[in-house]
Amino acid sequence: MEWKIDPDEYQAIAKMIHSSSSPVGIDAKKTHVLILKKLMDIEKRLINLEGEKT
């Protein structure tokens, strides 16, 4: 299974998490916050979907 992402979306995300002051080039805290926010959004959507089924 290959994971694909639109190049424009990739660049937008890369720009959001970039950090010139980090040795690895990204802001780890910002990256983790974005990931956790997306996971919380997914969780809310799943809860809503499960509620619609009952």
PDB file of N, CA and C in Angstrom:
ATOM      1  N   MET A   1       0.848  -1.177   0.000  1.00  0.00           N
ATOM      2  CA  MET A   1       0.000   0.000   0.000  1.00  0.00           C
ATOM      3  C   MET A   1       0.897   1.245   0.000  1.00  0.00           C
ATOM      4  N   GLU A   2       0.673   2.082  -0.962  1.00  0.00           N
ATOM      5  CA  GLU A   2       1.468   3.302  -1.068  1.00  0.00           C
ATOM      6  C   GLU A   2       0.645   4.489  -0.592  1.00  0.00           C
ATOM      7  N   TRP A   3       1.259   5.316   0.221  1.00  0.00           N
ATOM      8  CA  TRP A   3       0.603   6.506   0.751  1.00  0.00           C
ATOM      9  C   TRP A   3       0.906   7.678  -0.146  1.00  0.00           C
ATOM     10  N   LYS A   4      -0.133   8.357  -0.626  1.00  0.00           N
ATOM     11  CA  LYS A   4       0.082   9.490  -1.524  1.00  0.00           C
ATOM     12  C   LYS A   4      -0.550  10.737  -0.931  1.00  0.00           C
ATOM     13  N   ILE A   5       0.074  11.853  -1.189  1.00  0.00           N
ATOM     14  CA  ILE A   5      -0.438  13.145  -0.743  1.00  0.00           C
ATOM     15  C   ILE A   5      -0.227  14.146  -1.877  1.00  0.00           C
ATOM     16  N   ASP A   6      -1.202  15.008  -2.045  1.00  0.00           N
ATOM     17  CA  ASP A   6      -1.107  16.045  -3.055  1.00  0.00           C
ATOM     18  C   ASP A   6       0.143  16.890  -2.784  1.00  0.00           C
ATOM     19  N   PRO A   7       0.949  17.159  -3.799  1.00  0.00           N
ATOM     20  CA  PRO A   7       2.187  17.924  -3.597  1.00  0.00           C
ATOM     21  C   PRO A   7       1.955  19.307  -2.968  1.00  0.00           C
ATOM     22  N   ASP A   8       0.877  19.973  -3.339  1.00  0.00           N
ATOM     23  CA  ASP A   8       0.585  21.285  -2.750  1.00  0.00           C
ATOM     24  C   ASP A   8       0.251  21.166  -1.269  1.00  0.00           C
ATOM     25  N   GLU A   9      -0.510  20.117  -0.916  1.00  0.00           N
ATOM     26  CA  GLU A   9      -0.845  19.885   0.493  1.00  0.00           C
ATOM     27  C   GLU A   9       0.419  19.531   1.284  1.00  0.00           C
ATOM     28  N   TYR A  10       1.272  18.725   0.675  1.00  0.00           N
ATOM     29  CA  TYR A  10       2.544  18.351   1.301  1.00  0.00           C
ATOM     30  C   TYR A  10       3.365  19.601   1.618  1.00  0.00           C
ATOM     31  N   GLN A  11       3.490  20.490   0.627  1.00  0.00           N
ATOM     32  CA  GLN A  11       4.273  21.710   0.816  1.00  0.00           C
ATOM     33  C   GLN A  11       3.657  22.608   1.891  1.00  0.00           C
ATOM     34  N   ALA A  12       2.330  22.683   1.939  1.00  0.00           N
ATOM     35  CA  ALA A  12       1.662  23.510   2.947  1.00  0.00           C
ATOM     36  C   ALA A  12       1.949  22.982   4.350  1.00  0.00           C
ATOM     37  N   ILE A  13       1.883  21.666   4.511  1.00  0.00           N
ATOM     38  CA  ILE A  13       2.159  21.058   5.815  1.00  0.00           C
ATOM     39  C   ILE A  13       3.638  21.235   6.174  1.00  0.00           C
ATOM     40  N   ALA A  14       4.515  21.001   5.211  1.00  0.00           N
ATOM     41  CA  ALA A  14       5.952  21.160   5.454  1.00  0.00           C
ATOM     42  C   ALA A  14       6.276  22.587   5.888  1.00  0.00           C
ATOM     43  N   LYS A  15       5.628  23.549   5.245  1.00  0.00           N
ATOM     44  CA  LYS A  15       5.847  24.952   5.598  1.00  0.00           C
ATOM     45  C   LYS A  15       5.360  25.246   7.025  1.00  0.00           C
ATOM     46  N   MET A  16       4.223  24.638   7.411  1.00  0.00           N
ATOM     47  CA  MET A  16       3.675  24.858   8.755  1.00  0.00           C
ATOM     48  C   MET A  16       4.601  24.349   9.848  1.00  0.00           C
ATOM     49  N   ILE A  17       5.240  23.202   9.615  1.00  0.00           N
ATOM     50  CA  ILE A  17       6.031  22.578  10.684  1.00  0.00           C
ATOM     51  C   ILE A  17       7.524  22.887  10.597  1.00  0.00           C
ATOM     52  N   HIS A  18       7.943  23.620   9.565  1.00  0.00           N
ATOM     53  CA  HIS A  18       9.365  23.939   9.383  1.00  0.00           C
ATOM     54  C   HIS A  18       9.908  24.792  10.535  1.00  0.00           C
ATOM     55  N   SER A  19      11.142  24.513  10.885  1.00  0.00           N
ATOM     56  CA  SER A  19      11.833  25.310  11.889  1.00  0.00           C
ATOM     57  C   SER A  19      13.320  25.398  11.528  1.00  0.00           C
ATOM     58  N   SER A  20      13.779  26.603  11.307  1.00  0.00           N
ATOM     59  CA  SER A  20      15.193  26.803  10.984  1.00  0.00           C
ATOM     60  C   SER A  20      16.096  26.563  12.187  1.00  0.00           C
ATOM     61  N   SER A  21      15.532  26.716  13.386  1.00  0.00           N
ATOM     62  CA  SER A  21      16.342  26.568  14.597  1.00  0.00           C
ATOM     63  C   SER A  21      16.438  25.117  15.075  1.00  0.00           C
ATOM     64  N   SER A  22      15.728  24.207  14.430  1.00  0.00           N
ATOM     65  CA  SER A  22      15.765  22.808  14.838  1.00  0.00           C
ATOM     66  C   SER A  22      16.816  22.051  14.033  1.00  0.00           C
ATOM     67  N   PRO A  23      17.571  21.161  14.683  1.00  0.00           N
ATOM     68  CA  PRO A  23      18.579  20.387  13.952  1.00  0.00           C
ATOM     69  C   PRO A  23      17.971  19.461  12.891  1.00  0.00           C
ATOM     70  N   VAL A  24      16.703  19.080  13.056  1.00  0.00           N
ATOM     71  CA  VAL A  24      16.056  18.203  12.077  1.00  0.00           C
ATOM     72  C   VAL A  24      15.165  18.970  11.102  1.00  0.00           C
ATOM     73  N   GLY A  25      15.065  20.278  11.290  1.00  0.00           N
ATOM     74  CA  GLY A  25      14.333  21.111  10.345  1.00  0.00           C
ATOM     75  C   GLY A  25      12.846  21.263  10.580  1.00  0.00           C
ATOM     76  N   ILE A  26      12.337  20.641  11.656  1.00  0.00           N
ATOM     77  CA  ILE A  26      10.909  20.796  11.966  1.00  0.00           C
ATOM     78  C   ILE A  26      10.736  21.158  13.435  1.00  0.00           C
ATOM     79  N   ASP A  27       9.615  21.789  13.722  1.00  0.00           N
ATOM     80  CA  ASP A  27       9.239  22.115  15.089  1.00  0.00           C
ATOM     81  C   ASP A  27       8.455  20.922  15.635  1.00  0.00           C
ATOM     82  N   ALA A  28       9.098  20.132  16.474  1.00  0.00           N
ATOM     83  CA  ALA A  28       8.499  18.892  16.974  1.00  0.00           C
ATOM     84  C   ALA A  28       7.214  19.147  17.763  1.00  0.00           C
ATOM     85  N   LYS A  29       7.201  20.176  18.591  1.00  0.00           N
ATOM     86  CA  LYS A  29       6.011  20.462  19.390  1.00  0.00           C
ATOM     87  C   LYS A  29       4.832  20.811  18.478  1.00  0.00           C
ATOM     88  N   LYS A  30       5.075  21.684  17.512  1.00  0.00           N
ATOM     89  CA  LYS A  30       4.015  22.085  16.577  1.00  0.00           C
ATOM     90  C   LYS A  30       3.520  20.876  15.784  1.00  0.00           C
ATOM     91  N   THR A  31       4.459  20.021  15.366  1.00  0.00           N
ATOM     92  CA  THR A  31       4.103  18.825  14.619  1.00  0.00           C
ATOM     93  C   THR A  31       3.201  17.921  15.444  1.00  0.00           C
ATOM     94  N   HIS A  32       3.559  17.687  16.693  1.00  0.00           N
ATOM     95  CA  HIS A  32       2.753  16.831  17.561  1.00  0.00           C
ATOM     96  C   HIS A  32       1.378  17.442  17.841  1.00  0.00           C
ATOM     97  N   VAL A  33       1.330  18.742  18.031  1.00  0.00           N
ATOM     98  CA  VAL A  33       0.045  19.403  18.266  1.00  0.00           C
ATOM     99  C   VAL A  33      -0.865  19.232  17.041  1.00  0.00           C
ATOM    100  N   LEU A  34      -0.319  19.422  15.845  1.00  0.00           N
ATOM    101  CA  LEU A  34      -1.114  19.245  14.626  1.00  0.00           C
ATOM    102  C   LEU A  34      -1.624  17.806  14.499  1.00  0.00           C
ATOM    103  N   ILE A  35      -0.773  16.839  14.785  1.00  0.00           N
ATOM    104  CA  ILE A  35      -1.178  15.431  14.715  1.00  0.00           C
ATOM    105  C   ILE A  35      -2.275  15.138  15.727  1.00  0.00           C
ATOM    106  N   LEU A  36      -2.086  15.587  16.953  1.00  0.00           N
ATOM    107  CA  LEU A  36      -3.095  15.339  17.986  1.00  0.00           C
ATOM    108  C   LEU A  36      -4.414  16.034  17.668  1.00  0.00           C
ATOM    109  N   LYS A  37      -4.356  17.233  17.117  1.00  0.00           N
ATOM    110  CA  LYS A  37      -5.573  17.945  16.731  1.00  0.00           C
ATOM    111  C   LYS A  37      -6.333  17.157  15.665  1.00  0.00           C
ATOM    112  N   LYS A  38      -5.623  16.662  14.656  1.00  0.00           N
ATOM    113  CA  LYS A  38      -6.269  15.864  13.614  1.00  0.00           C
ATOM    114  C   LYS A  38      -6.879  14.595  14.189  1.00  0.00           C
ATOM    115  N   LEU A  39      -6.183  13.940  15.103  1.00  0.00           N
ATOM    116  CA  LEU A  39      -6.722  12.729  15.730  1.00  0.00           C
ATOM    117  C   LEU A  39      -7.983  13.043  16.531  1.00  0.00           C
ATOM    118  N   MET A  40      -7.996  14.167  17.223  1.00  0.00           N
ATOM    119  CA  MET A  40      -9.190  14.556  17.974  1.00  0.00           C
ATOM    120  C   MET A  40     -10.350  14.849  17.029  1.00  0.00           C
ATOM    121  N   ASP A  41     -10.062  15.486  15.891  1.00  0.00           N
ATOM    122  CA  ASP A  41     -11.102  15.744  14.892  1.00  0.00           C
ATOM    123  C   ASP A  41     -11.678  14.432  14.366  1.00  0.00           C
ATOM    124  N   ILE A  42     -10.814  13.470  14.092  1.00  0.00           N
ATOM    125  CA  ILE A  42     -11.255  12.156  13.606  1.00  0.00           C
ATOM    126  C   ILE A  42     -12.108  11.465  14.664  1.00  0.00           C
ATOM    127  N   GLU A  43     -11.675  11.540  15.916  1.00  0.00           N
ATOM    128  CA  GLU A  43     -12.430  10.918  17.000  1.00  0.00           C
ATOM    129  C   GLU A  43     -13.837  11.513  17.095  1.00  0.00           C
ATOM    130  N   LYS A  44     -13.948  12.833  17.003  1.00  0.00           N
ATOM    131  CA  LYS A  44     -15.257  13.485  17.052  1.00  0.00           C
ATOM    132  C   LYS A  44     -16.144  13.024  15.899  1.00  0.00           C
ATOM    133  N   ARG A  45     -15.562  12.926  14.716  1.00  0.00           N
ATOM    134  CA  ARG A  45     -16.330  12.477  13.559  1.00  0.00           C
ATOM    135  C   ARG A  45     -16.811  11.045  13.741  1.00  0.00           C
ATOM    136  N   LEU A  46     -15.962  10.185  14.283  1.00  0.00           N
ATOM    137  CA  LEU A  46     -16.365   8.796  14.530  1.00  0.00           C
ATOM    138  C   LEU A  46     -17.488   8.721  15.558  1.00  0.00           C
ATOM    139  N   ILE A  47     -17.385   9.516  16.608  1.00  0.00           N
ATOM    140  CA  ILE A  47     -18.440   9.536  17.627  1.00  0.00           C
ATOM    141  C   ILE A  47     -19.759   9.972  17.001  1.00  0.00           C
ATOM    142  N   ASN A  48     -19.704  10.999  16.151  1.00  0.00           N
ATOM    143  CA  ASN A  48     -20.914  11.466  15.472  1.00  0.00           C
ATOM    144  C   ASN A  48     -21.482  10.394  14.546  1.00  0.00           C
ATOM    145  N   LEU A  49     -20.627   9.723  13.808  1.00  0.00           N
ATOM    146  CA  LEU A  49     -21.081   8.657  12.920  1.00  0.00           C
ATOM    147  C   LEU A  49     -21.700   7.507  13.704  1.00  0.00           C
ATOM    148  N   GLU A  50     -21.083   7.123  14.797  1.00  0.00           N
ATOM    149  CA  GLU A  50     -21.625   6.043  15.618  1.00  0.00           C
ATOM    150  C   GLU A  50     -22.966   6.453  16.208  1.00  0.00           C
ATOM    151  N   GLY A  51     -23.119   7.717  16.566  1.00  0.00           N
ATOM    152  CA  GLY A  51     -24.385   8.210  17.104  1.00  0.00           C
ATOM    153  C   GLY A  51     -25.477   8.183  16.064  1.00  0.00           C
ATOM    154  N   GLU A  52     -25.147   8.403  14.810  1.00  0.00           N
ATOM    155  CA  GLU A  52     -26.124   8.389  13.730  1.00  0.00           C
ATOM    156  C   GLU A  52     -26.628   6.984  13.451  1.00  0.00           C
ATOM    157  N   LYS A  53     -25.810   5.965  13.742  1.00  0.00           N
ATOM    158  CA  LYS A  53     -26.198   4.578  13.470  1.00  0.00           C
ATOM    159  C   LYS A  53     -27.208   4.043  14.483  1.00  0.00           C
ATOM    160  N   THR A  54     -27.243   4.639  15.656  1.00  0.00           N
ATOM    161  CA  THR A  54     -28.149   4.124  16.692  1.00  0.00           C
ATOM    162  C   THR A  54     -29.501   4.759  16.626  1.00  0.00           C
TER     163      THR A  54
END
